Amino acid sequence: MTQAIAPPLDVDPRLLEILVCPVTHGPLVYDRQVGELISKGARLAYPIRDGVPIMLPEEARALDDGE
């Protein structure tokens, strides 16, 4: 049995304009494909769950060297 993959949820563009990385206070880049907000300065990827950005450093994923 094959399970359908839900398309990524969109995040309100106005919200994306005001959010900053809680570690560096720098800008974030929205990666719609994986549903994350990327902080290049902190090298962290913050997850978006059910359309809500989880802006806690302990919930973020560390970026690999190639990312």
PDB file of N, CA and C in Angstrom:
ATOM      1  N   MET A   1       0.835  -1.171   0.000  1.00  0.00           N
ATOM      2  CA  MET A   1       0.000   0.000   0.000  1.00  0.00           C
ATOM      3  C   MET A   1       0.889   1.246   0.000  1.00  0.00           C
ATOM      4  N   THR A   2       0.636   2.164  -0.886  1.00  0.00           N
ATOM      5  CA  THR A   2       1.414   3.387  -1.005  1.00  0.00           C
ATOM      6  C   THR A   2       0.696   4.523  -0.295  1.00  0.00           C
ATOM      7  N   GLN A   3       1.454   5.232   0.525  1.00  0.00           N
ATOM      8  CA  GLN A   3       0.877   6.352   1.256  1.00  0.00           C
ATOM      9  C   GLN A   3       1.169   7.636   0.488  1.00  0.00           C
ATOM     10  N   ALA A   4       0.141   8.458   0.305  1.00  0.00           N
ATOM     11  CA  ALA A   4       0.305   9.719  -0.405  1.00  0.00           C
ATOM     12  C   ALA A   4       1.093  10.701   0.453  1.00  0.00           C
ATOM     13  N   ILE A   5       1.962  11.443  -0.203  1.00  0.00           N
ATOM     14  CA  ILE A   5       2.748  12.451   0.489  1.00  0.00           C
ATOM     15  C   ILE A   5       2.039  13.787   0.334  1.00  0.00           C
ATOM     16  N   ALA A   6       1.785  14.438   1.458  1.00  0.00           N
ATOM     17  CA  ALA A   6       1.098  15.727   1.428  1.00  0.00           C
ATOM     18  C   ALA A   6       2.045  16.794   0.890  1.00  0.00           C
ATOM     19  N   PRO A   7       1.533  17.722   0.096  1.00  0.00           N
ATOM     20  CA  PRO A   7       2.392  18.799  -0.392  1.00  0.00           C
ATOM     21  C   PRO A   7       2.811  19.704   0.755  1.00  0.00           C
ATOM     22  N   PRO A   8       3.964  20.366   0.615  1.00  0.00           N
ATOM     23  CA  PRO A   8       4.407  21.264   1.685  1.00  0.00           C
ATOM     24  C   PRO A   8       3.392  22.375   1.915  1.00  0.00           C
ATOM     25  N   LEU A   9       3.238  22.757   3.168  1.00  0.00           N
ATOM     26  CA  LEU A   9       2.331  23.843   3.508  1.00  0.00           C
ATOM     27  C   LEU A   9       2.995  25.182   3.224  1.00  0.00           C
ATOM     28  N   ASP A  10       2.203  26.132   2.786  1.00  0.00           N
ATOM     29  CA  ASP A  10       2.731  27.472   2.598  1.00  0.00           C
ATOM     30  C   ASP A  10       2.701  28.217   3.921  1.00  0.00           C
ATOM     31  N   VAL A  11       3.649  29.107   4.076  1.00  0.00           N
ATOM     32  CA  VAL A  11       3.722  29.956   5.253  1.00  0.00           C
ATOM     33  C   VAL A  11       3.393  31.363   4.790  1.00  0.00           C
ATOM     34  N   ASP A  12       2.652  32.082   5.597  1.00  0.00           N
ATOM     35  CA  ASP A  12       2.257  33.449   5.273  1.00  0.00           C
ATOM     36  C   ASP A  12       3.501  34.289   4.958  1.00  0.00           C
ATOM     37  N   PRO A  13       3.589  34.870   3.770  1.00  0.00           N
ATOM     38  CA  PRO A  13       4.767  35.669   3.401  1.00  0.00           C
ATOM     39  C   PRO A  13       5.028  36.834   4.358  1.00  0.00           C
ATOM     40  N   ARG A  14       3.975  37.397   4.931  1.00  0.00           N
ATOM     41  CA  ARG A  14       4.170  38.496   5.895  1.00  0.00           C
ATOM     42  C   ARG A  14       4.894  37.997   7.142  1.00  0.00           C
ATOM     43  N   LEU A  15       4.602  36.763   7.540  1.00  0.00           N
ATOM     44  CA  LEU A  15       5.283  36.173   8.692  1.00  0.00           C
ATOM     45  C   LEU A  15       6.760  35.962   8.371  1.00  0.00           C
ATOM     46  N   LEU A  16       7.036  35.485   7.161  1.00  0.00           N
ATOM     47  CA  LEU A  16       8.426  35.242   6.765  1.00  0.00           C
ATOM     48  C   LEU A  16       9.239  36.537   6.753  1.00  0.00           C
ATOM     49  N   GLU A  17       8.598  37.652   6.474  1.00  0.00           N
ATOM     50  CA  GLU A  17       9.305  38.931   6.439  1.00  0.00           C
ATOM     51  C   GLU A  17       9.760  39.383   7.820  1.00  0.00           C
ATOM     52  N   ILE A  18       9.045  39.011   8.869  1.00  0.00           N
ATOM     53  CA  ILE A  18       9.383  39.496  10.209  1.00  0.00           C
ATOM     54  C   ILE A  18      10.175  38.497  11.052  1.00  0.00           C
ATOM     55  N   LEU A  19      10.176  37.230  10.652  1.00  0.00           N
ATOM     56  CA  LEU A  19      10.910  36.232  11.431  1.00  0.00           C
ATOM     57  C   LEU A  19      12.412  36.381  11.214  1.00  0.00           C
ATOM     58  N   VAL A  20      13.166  36.225  12.290  1.00  0.00           N
ATOM     59  CA  VAL A  20      14.621  36.208  12.225  1.00  0.00           C
ATOM     60  C   VAL A  20      15.118  35.029  13.057  1.00  0.00           C
ATOM     61  N   CYS A  21      16.338  34.654  12.836  1.00  0.00           N
ATOM     62  CA  CYS A  21      16.943  33.561  13.593  1.00  0.00           C
ATOM     63  C   CYS A  21      17.068  33.984  15.057  1.00  0.00           C
ATOM     64  N   PRO A  22      16.603  33.165  15.998  1.00  0.00           N
ATOM     65  CA  PRO A  22      16.713  33.520  17.411  1.00  0.00           C
ATOM     66  C   PRO A  22      18.153  33.485  17.937  1.00  0.00           C
ATOM     67  N   VAL A  23      19.042  32.849  17.207  1.00  0.00           N
ATOM     68  CA  VAL A  23      20.445  32.762  17.633  1.00  0.00           C
ATOM     69  C   VAL A  23      21.241  33.964  17.131  1.00  0.00           C
ATOM     70  N   THR A  24      21.143  34.256  15.820  1.00  0.00           N
ATOM     71  CA  THR A  24      21.955  35.317  15.214  1.00  0.00           C
ATOM     72  C   THR A  24      21.182  36.616  14.999  1.00  0.00           C
ATOM     73  N   HIS A  25      19.862  36.537  15.073  1.00  0.00           N
ATOM     74  CA  HIS A  25      18.979  37.659  14.753  1.00  0.00           C
ATOM     75  C   HIS A  25      19.103  38.073  13.288  1.00  0.00           C
ATOM     76  N   GLY A  26      19.615  37.143  12.479  1.00  0.00           N
ATOM     77  CA  GLY A  26      19.780  37.386  11.052  1.00  0.00           C
ATOM     78  C   GLY A  26      18.601  36.839  10.260  1.00  0.00           C
ATOM     79  N   PRO A  27      18.640  37.042   8.942  1.00  0.00           N
ATOM     80  CA  PRO A  27      17.543  36.622   8.077  1.00  0.00           C
ATOM     81  C   PRO A  27      17.443  35.101   7.952  1.00  0.00           C
ATOM     82  N   LEU A  28      16.251  34.652   7.568  1.00  0.00           N
ATOM     83  CA  LEU A  28      15.981  33.238   7.341  1.00  0.00           C
ATOM     84  C   LEU A  28      15.569  33.042   5.887  1.00  0.00           C
ATOM     85  N   VAL A  29      15.887  31.876   5.346  1.00  0.00           N
ATOM     86  CA  VAL A  29      15.500  31.514   3.988  1.00  0.00           C
ATOM     87  C   VAL A  29      14.497  30.370   4.094  1.00  0.00           C
ATOM     88  N   TYR A  30      13.366  30.517   3.420  1.00  0.00           N
ATOM     89  CA  TYR A  30      12.312  29.496   3.465  1.00  0.00           C
ATOM     90  C   TYR A  30      12.593  28.433   2.419  1.00  0.00           C
ATOM     91  N   ASP A  31      12.766  27.194   2.860  1.00  0.00           N
ATOM     92  CA  ASP A  31      12.920  26.050   1.964  1.00  0.00           C
ATOM     93  C   ASP A  31      11.592  25.309   1.939  1.00  0.00           C
ATOM     94  N   ARG A  32      10.784  25.609   0.951  1.00  0.00           N
ATOM     95  CA  ARG A  32       9.420  25.058   0.861  1.00  0.00           C
ATOM     96  C   ARG A  32       9.441  23.547   0.660  1.00  0.00           C
ATOM     97  N   GLN A  33      10.414  23.032  -0.074  1.00  0.00           N
ATOM     98  CA  GLN A  33      10.471  21.596  -0.369  1.00  0.00           C
ATOM     99  C   GLN A  33      10.541  20.740   0.886  1.00  0.00           C
ATOM    100  N   VAL A  34      11.324  21.166   1.853  1.00  0.00           N
ATOM    101  CA  VAL A  34      11.482  20.380   3.084  1.00  0.00           C
ATOM    102  C   VAL A  34      10.738  20.970   4.265  1.00  0.00           C
ATOM    103  N   GLY A  35      10.162  22.172   4.084  1.00  0.00           N
ATOM    104  CA  GLY A  35       9.389  22.792   5.160  1.00  0.00           C
ATOM    105  C   GLY A  35      10.235  23.265   6.312  1.00  0.00           C
ATOM    106  N   GLU A  36      11.299  24.018   5.975  1.00  0.00           N
ATOM    107  CA  GLU A  36      12.197  24.523   7.005  1.00  0.00           C
ATOM    108  C   GLU A  36      12.549  25.981   6.734  1.00  0.00           C
ATOM    109  N   LEU A  37      12.904  26.672   7.789  1.00  0.00           N
ATOM    110  CA  LEU A  37      13.467  28.012   7.695  1.00  0.00           C
ATOM    111  C   LEU A  37      14.956  27.880   7.989  1.00  0.00           C
ATOM    112  N   ILE A  38      15.777  28.324   7.053  1.00  0.00           N
ATOM    113  CA  ILE A  38      17.217  28.131   7.137  1.00  0.00           C
ATOM    114  C   ILE A  38      17.902  29.401   7.617  1.00  0.00           C
ATOM    115  N   SER A  39      18.743  29.248   8.636  1.00  0.00           N
ATOM    116  CA  SER A  39      19.611  30.330   9.097  1.00  0.00           C
ATOM    117  C   SER A  39      21.021  29.968   8.660  1.00  0.00           C
ATOM    118  N   LYS A  40      21.503  30.657   7.634  1.00  0.00           N
ATOM    119  CA  LYS A  40      22.852  30.370   7.141  1.00  0.00           C
ATOM    120  C   LYS A  40      23.899  30.802   8.154  1.00  0.00           C
ATOM    121  N   GLY A  41      23.628  31.892   8.883  1.00  0.00           N
ATOM    122  CA  GLY A  41      24.575  32.380   9.886  1.00  0.00           C
ATOM    123  C   GLY A  41      24.763  31.411  11.039  1.00  0.00           C
ATOM    124  N   ALA A  42      23.677  30.830  11.529  1.00  0.00           N
ATOM    125  CA  ALA A  42      23.748  29.883  12.649  1.00  0.00           C
ATOM    126  C   ALA A  42      23.934  28.448  12.171  1.00  0.00           C
ATOM    127  N   ARG A  43      23.788  28.232  10.845  1.00  0.00           N
ATOM    128  CA  ARG A  43      23.876  26.891  10.252  1.00  0.00           C
ATOM    129  C   ARG A  43      22.841  25.947  10.873  1.00  0.00           C
ATOM    130  N   LEU A  44      21.604  26.491  11.015  1.00  0.00           N
ATOM    131  CA  LEU A  44      20.490  25.734  11.578  1.00  0.00           C
ATOM    132  C   LEU A  44      19.293  25.786  10.644  1.00  0.00           C
ATOM    133  N   ALA A  45      18.487  24.729  10.683  1.00  0.00           N
ATOM    134  CA  ALA A  45      17.240  24.659   9.919  1.00  0.00           C
ATOM    135  C   ALA A  45      16.105  24.459  10.912  1.00  0.00           C
ATOM    136  N   TYR A  46      15.222  25.459  10.987  1.00  0.00           N
ATOM    137  CA  TYR A  46      14.086  25.411  11.911  1.00  0.00           C
ATOM    138  C   TYR A  46      12.903  24.756  11.207  1.00  0.00           C
ATOM    139  N   PRO A  47      12.288  23.758  11.841  1.00  0.00           N
ATOM    140  CA  PRO A  47      11.169  23.061  11.194  1.00  0.00           C
ATOM    141  C   PRO A  47       9.897  23.901  11.179  1.00  0.00           C
ATOM    142  N   ILE A  48       9.033  23.586  10.227  1.00  0.00           N
ATOM    143  CA  ILE A  48       7.699  24.179  10.171  1.00  0.00           C
ATOM    144  C   ILE A  48       6.729  23.027  10.317  1.00  0.00           C
ATOM    145  N   ARG A  49       5.939  23.054  11.366  1.00  0.00           N
ATOM    146  CA  ARG A  49       4.985  21.969  11.636  1.00  0.00           C
ATOM    147  C   ARG A  49       3.573  22.520  11.577  1.00  0.00           C
ATOM    148  N   ASP A  50       2.761  21.922  10.723  1.00  0.00           N
ATOM    149  CA  ASP A  50       1.367  22.353  10.546  1.00  0.00           C
ATOM    150  C   ASP A  50       1.278  23.846  10.243  1.00  0.00           C
ATOM    151  N   GLY A  51       2.234  24.343   9.465  1.00  0.00           N
ATOM    152  CA  GLY A  51       2.228  25.741   9.072  1.00  0.00           C
ATOM    153  C   GLY A  51       2.785  26.699  10.101  1.00  0.00           C
ATOM    154  N   VAL A  52       3.291  26.173  11.223  1.00  0.00           N
ATOM    155  CA  VAL A  52       3.816  27.015  12.306  1.00  0.00           C
ATOM    156  C   VAL A  52       5.329  26.821  12.414  1.00  0.00           C
ATOM    157  N   PRO A  53       6.115  27.895  12.234  1.00  0.00           N
ATOM    158  CA  PRO A  53       7.564  27.780  12.404  1.00  0.00           C
ATOM    159  C   PRO A  53       7.911  27.527  13.874  1.00  0.00           C
ATOM    160  N   ILE A  54       8.757  26.541  14.099  1.00  0.00           N
ATOM    161  CA  ILE A  54       9.215  26.211  15.450  1.00  0.00           C
ATOM    162  C   ILE A  54      10.587  26.861  15.614  1.00  0.00           C
ATOM    163  N   MET A  55      10.615  28.008  16.270  1.00  0.00           N
ATOM    164  CA  MET A  55      11.818  28.832  16.332  1.00  0.00           C
ATOM    165  C   MET A  55      12.623  28.605  17.615  1.00  0.00           C
ATOM    166  N   LEU A  56      12.776  27.359  17.984  1.00  0.00           N
ATOM    167  CA  LEU A  56      13.558  26.996  19.163  1.00  0.00           C
ATOM    168  C   LEU A  56      14.865  26.350  18.706  1.00  0.00           C
ATOM    169  N   PRO A  57      16.012  26.876  19.127  1.00  0.00           N
ATOM    170  CA  PRO A  57      17.291  26.300  18.699  1.00  0.00           C
ATOM    171  C   PRO A  57      17.408  24.802  19.003  1.00  0.00           C
ATOM    172  N   GLU A  58      16.831  24.367  20.114  1.00  0.00           N
ATOM    173  CA  GLU A  58      16.926  22.940  20.458  1.00  0.00           C
ATOM    174  C   GLU A  58      16.067  22.057  19.541  1.00  0.00           C
ATOM    175  N   GLU A  59      15.138  22.640  18.816  1.00  0.00           N
ATOM    176  CA  GLU A  59      14.312  21.900  17.850  1.00  0.00           C
ATOM    177  C   GLU A  59      14.890  21.960  16.442  1.00  0.00           C
ATOM    178  N   ALA A  60      15.881  22.813  16.229  1.00  0.00           N
ATOM    179  CA  ALA A  60      16.456  23.004  14.900  1.00  0.00           C
ATOM    180  C   ALA A  60      17.409  21.870  14.547  1.00  0.00           C
ATOM    181  N   ARG A  61      17.572  21.696  13.259  1.00  0.00           N
ATOM    182  CA  ARG A  61      18.495  20.694  12.716  1.00  0.00           C
ATOM    183  C   ARG A  61      19.767  21.415  12.288  1.00  0.00           C
ATOM    184  N   ALA A  62      20.923  20.865  12.678  1.00  0.00           N
ATOM    185  CA  ALA A  62      22.199  21.444  12.234  1.00  0.00           C
ATOM    186  C   ALA A  62      22.382  21.152  10.751  1.00  0.00           C
ATOM    187  N   LEU A  63      22.843  22.152  10.013  1.00  0.00           N
ATOM    188  CA  LEU A  63      23.064  21.982   8.585  1.00  0.00           C
ATOM    189  C   LEU A  63      24.360  21.232   8.328  1.00  0.00           C
ATOM    190  N   ASP A  64      24.348  20.388   7.301  1.00  0.00           N
ATOM    191  CA  ASP A  64      25.555  19.685   6.868  1.00  0.00           C
ATOM    192  C   ASP A  64      26.455  20.663   6.120  1.00  0.00           C
ATOM    193  N   ASP A  65      27.687  20.267   5.905  1.00  0.00           N
ATOM    194  CA  ASP A  65      28.642  21.130   5.191  1.00  0.00           C
ATOM    195  C   ASP A  65      28.146  21.499   3.788  1.00  0.00           C
ATOM    196  N   GLY A  66      27.458  20.589   3.121  1.00  0.00           N
ATOM    197  CA  GLY A  66      26.998  20.831   1.754  1.00  0.00           C
ATOM    198  C   GLY A  66      25.739  21.661   1.657  1.00  0.00           C
ATOM    199  N   GLU A  67      25.112  21.969   2.762  1.00  0.00           N
ATOM    200  CA  GLU A  67      23.854  22.717   2.732  1.00  0.00           C
ATOM    201  C   GLU A  67      24.074  24.200   2.865  1.00  0.00           C
TER     202      GLU A  67
END
